[in-house]
Amino acid sequence: MNADKVNLFIASKGDNFPSESIPMIKERLTNLSDDNELAVMAMDFTNPVLTIVLSVFFGELGVDRFIIGDIGLGIGKLLTGGGCGVWWLIDLFLIMGATKKKNFEKLMTAIG
């Protein structure tokens, strides 16, 4: 992938990944073959802002964890009512980072 496309990808989707992983993403995308380029550009990532909003309103039901793919944690939050509110409160601070990490893992899996 050429440098312009890499910069476009980072500009449009960079907020969905941890900031410390951006240099690694740039390097991996630069070395990406043309066959995988279109697939990576078309990937959808979970918006971290959406997950924090969902966590505020529906976090005690585990909706935020279900959205990012943590089904086990989502079921745990659902059954305990967000850990009687404690787990919900902690997740308000952790869910954006967890979303960005899951997005990064999804991208790295697609790149190979």
C-alpha atoms as a PDB file:
ATOM      1  CA  MET A   1       0.000   0.000   0.000  1.00  0.00           C
ATOM      2  CA  ASN A   2       1.449   3.383  -0.874  1.00  0.00           C
ATOM      3  CA  ALA A   3       2.082   6.121   1.689  1.00  0.00           C
ATOM      4  CA  ASP A   4      -0.892   8.262   0.622  1.00  0.00           C
ATOM      5  CA  LYS A   5      -3.338   5.410   1.177  1.00  0.00           C
ATOM      6  CA  VAL A   6      -1.756   4.578   4.525  1.00  0.00           C
ATOM      7  CA  ASN A   7      -2.080   8.207   5.642  1.00  0.00           C
ATOM      8  CA  LEU A   8      -5.691   8.287   4.438  1.00  0.00           C
ATOM      9  CA  PHE A   9      -6.464   5.127   6.405  1.00  0.00           C
ATOM     10  CA  ILE A  10      -4.865   6.558   9.556  1.00  0.00           C
ATOM     11  CA  ALA A  11      -6.651   9.895   9.120  1.00  0.00           C
ATOM     12  CA  SER A  12     -10.054   8.299   8.646  1.00  0.00           C
ATOM     13  CA  LYS A  13      -9.846   5.377  11.078  1.00  0.00           C
ATOM     14  CA  GLY A  14      -6.945   6.184  13.389  1.00  0.00           C
ATOM     15  CA  ASP A  15      -9.205   7.204  16.281  1.00  0.00           C
ATOM     16  CA  ASN A  16     -10.425   3.605  16.490  1.00  0.00           C
ATOM     17  CA  PHE A  17      -7.010   2.287  17.574  1.00  0.00           C
ATOM     18  CA  PRO A  18      -4.713   2.840  20.569  1.00  0.00           C
ATOM     19  CA  SER A  19      -2.421   5.789  19.875  1.00  0.00           C
ATOM     20  CA  GLU A  20       0.690   3.781  20.744  1.00  0.00           C
ATOM     21  CA  SER A  21      -0.139   1.257  17.992  1.00  0.00           C
ATOM     22  CA  ILE A  22      -0.347   3.799  15.139  1.00  0.00           C
ATOM     23  CA  PRO A  23       3.346   3.503  14.118  1.00  0.00           C
ATOM     24  CA  MET A  24       3.032  -0.288  13.976  1.00  0.00           C
ATOM     25  CA  ILE A  25      -0.155  -0.022  11.922  1.00  0.00           C
ATOM     26  CA  LYS A  26       1.564   2.342   9.483  1.00  0.00           C
ATOM     27  CA  GLU A  27       4.476  -0.049   9.082  1.00  0.00           C
ATOM     28  CA  ARG A  28       2.258  -3.100   8.561  1.00  0.00           C
ATOM     29  CA  LEU A  29       0.007  -1.270   6.082  1.00  0.00           C
ATOM     30  CA  THR A  30       3.011  -0.046   4.096  1.00  0.00           C
ATOM     31  CA  ASN A  31       4.115  -3.662   3.640  1.00  0.00           C
ATOM     32  CA  LEU A  32       0.585  -4.867   2.815  1.00  0.00           C
ATOM     33  CA  SER A  33       0.053  -6.648  -0.487  1.00  0.00           C
ATOM     34  CA  ASP A  34      -2.353  -5.248  -3.058  1.00  0.00           C
ATOM     35  CA  ASP A  35      -4.625  -8.280  -2.611  1.00  0.00           C
ATOM     36  CA  ASN A  36      -5.398  -7.400   1.016  1.00  0.00           C
ATOM     37  CA  GLU A  37      -5.497  -3.642   0.497  1.00  0.00           C
ATOM     38  CA  LEU A  38      -9.145  -3.393  -0.513  1.00  0.00           C
ATOM     39  CA  ALA A  39     -10.292  -5.720   2.256  1.00  0.00           C
ATOM     40  CA  VAL A  40      -8.501  -3.662   4.911  1.00  0.00           C
ATOM     41  CA  MET A  41      -9.781  -0.346   3.549  1.00  0.00           C
ATOM     42  CA  ALA A  42     -13.368  -1.656   3.621  1.00  0.00           C
ATOM     43  CA  MET A  43     -13.230  -2.997   7.191  1.00  0.00           C
ATOM     44  CA  ASP A  44     -15.663  -1.639   9.749  1.00  0.00           C
ATOM     45  CA  PHE A  45     -14.434  -0.909  13.249  1.00  0.00           C
ATOM     46  CA  THR A  46     -16.417  -0.274  16.418  1.00  0.00           C
ATOM     47  CA  ASN A  47     -16.495   3.406  17.338  1.00  0.00           C
ATOM     48  CA  PRO A  48     -15.050   3.904  20.861  1.00  0.00           C
ATOM     49  CA  VAL A  49     -17.302   6.934  21.448  1.00  0.00           C
ATOM     50  CA  LEU A  50     -20.358   4.802  20.686  1.00  0.00           C
ATOM     51  CA  THR A  51     -19.270   2.221  23.236  1.00  0.00           C
ATOM     52  CA  ILE A  52     -18.819   4.829  25.972  1.00  0.00           C
ATOM     53  CA  VAL A  53     -22.301   6.230  25.256  1.00  0.00           C
ATOM     54  CA  LEU A  54     -23.772   2.726  25.328  1.00  0.00           C
ATOM     55  CA  SER A  55     -21.853   2.031  28.528  1.00  0.00           C
ATOM     56  CA  VAL A  56     -23.333   5.089  30.234  1.00  0.00           C
ATOM     57  CA  PHE A  57     -26.918   4.183  29.378  1.00  0.00           C
ATOM     58  CA  PHE A  58     -26.904   0.385  29.076  1.00  0.00           C
ATOM     59  CA  GLY A  59     -23.658  -0.652  30.776  1.00  0.00           C
ATOM     60  CA  GLU A  60     -25.366  -2.458  33.631  1.00  0.00           C
ATOM     61  CA  LEU A  61     -26.899  -4.790  31.045  1.00  0.00           C
ATOM     62  CA  GLY A  62     -23.513  -5.517  29.475  1.00  0.00           C
ATOM     63  CA  VAL A  63     -24.432  -4.037  26.086  1.00  0.00           C
ATOM     64  CA  ASP A  64     -21.051  -2.318  25.785  1.00  0.00           C
ATOM     65  CA  ARG A  65     -19.210  -5.628  26.183  1.00  0.00           C
ATOM     66  CA  PHE A  66     -21.503  -7.419  23.748  1.00  0.00           C
ATOM     67  CA  ILE A  67     -20.839  -4.713  21.124  1.00  0.00           C
ATOM     68  CA  ILE A  68     -17.056  -5.174  21.231  1.00  0.00           C
ATOM     69  CA  GLY A  69     -17.294  -8.965  21.224  1.00  0.00           C
ATOM     70  CA  ASP A  70     -16.607  -9.746  24.895  1.00  0.00           C
ATOM     71  CA  ILE A  71     -19.600 -12.069  25.147  1.00  0.00           C
ATOM     72  CA  GLY A  72     -18.495 -13.715  28.396  1.00  0.00           C
ATOM     73  CA  LEU A  73     -17.991 -10.395  30.158  1.00  0.00           C
ATOM     74  CA  GLY A  74     -21.277  -9.132  28.733  1.00  0.00           C
ATOM     75  CA  ILE A  75     -23.141 -12.112  30.169  1.00  0.00           C
ATOM     76  CA  GLY A  76     -21.379 -11.600  33.498  1.00  0.00           C
ATOM     77  CA  LYS A  77     -22.412  -7.955  33.619  1.00  0.00           C
ATOM     78  CA  LEU A  78     -25.953  -8.836  32.590  1.00  0.00           C
ATOM     79  CA  LEU A  79     -26.357 -11.473  35.301  1.00  0.00           C
ATOM     80  CA  THR A  80     -24.850  -9.330  38.067  1.00  0.00           C
ATOM     81  CA  GLY A  81     -26.452  -6.041  37.061  1.00  0.00           C
ATOM     82  CA  GLY A  82     -23.093  -4.553  36.218  1.00  0.00           C
ATOM     83  CA  GLY A  83     -21.557  -5.975  39.391  1.00  0.00           C
ATOM     84  CA  CYS A  84     -24.179  -4.069  41.397  1.00  0.00           C
ATOM     85  CA  GLY A  85     -23.006  -0.891  39.717  1.00  0.00           C
ATOM     86  CA  VAL A  86     -19.319  -1.231  40.590  1.00  0.00           C
ATOM     87  CA  TRP A  87     -18.356  -3.047  37.383  1.00  0.00           C
ATOM     88  CA  TRP A  88     -20.438  -0.562  35.397  1.00  0.00           C
ATOM     89  CA  LEU A  89     -18.577   2.362  36.981  1.00  0.00           C
ATOM     90  CA  ILE A  90     -15.152   0.828  36.335  1.00  0.00           C
ATOM     91  CA  ASP A  91     -16.102   0.022  32.733  1.00  0.00           C
ATOM     92  CA  LEU A  92     -16.930   3.688  32.116  1.00  0.00           C
ATOM     93  CA  PHE A  93     -13.184   4.293  32.306  1.00  0.00           C
ATOM     94  CA  LEU A  94     -12.016   1.085  30.610  1.00  0.00           C
ATOM     95  CA  ILE A  95     -14.425   0.494  27.726  1.00  0.00           C
ATOM     96  CA  MET A  96     -12.887   2.966  25.254  1.00  0.00           C
ATOM     97  CA  GLY A  97      -9.464   1.392  25.668  1.00  0.00           C
ATOM     98  CA  ALA A  98     -10.937  -2.092  25.366  1.00  0.00           C
ATOM     99  CA  THR A  99     -12.739  -1.087  22.170  1.00  0.00           C
ATOM    100  CA  LYS A 100      -9.580   0.337  20.629  1.00  0.00           C
ATOM    101  CA  LYS A 101      -7.643  -2.790  21.590  1.00  0.00           C
ATOM    102  CA  LYS A 102     -10.279  -5.063  20.005  1.00  0.00           C
ATOM    103  CA  ASN A 103     -10.216  -2.947  16.832  1.00  0.00           C
ATOM    104  CA  PHE A 104      -6.417  -3.228  16.730  1.00  0.00           C
ATOM    105  CA  GLU A 105      -6.596  -7.013  17.154  1.00  0.00           C
ATOM    106  CA  LYS A 106      -9.187  -7.215  14.365  1.00  0.00           C
ATOM    107  CA  LEU A 107      -6.953  -5.202  12.026  1.00  0.00           C
ATOM    108  CA  MET A 108      -3.849  -7.257  12.832  1.00  0.00           C
ATOM    109  CA  THR A 109      -5.789 -10.463  12.166  1.00  0.00           C
ATOM    110  CA  ALA A 110      -6.910  -9.132   8.786  1.00  0.00           C
ATOM    111  CA  ILE A 111      -3.419  -7.991   7.833  1.00  0.00           C
ATOM    112  CA  GLY A 112      -1.916 -11.317   8.849  1.00  0.00           C
END
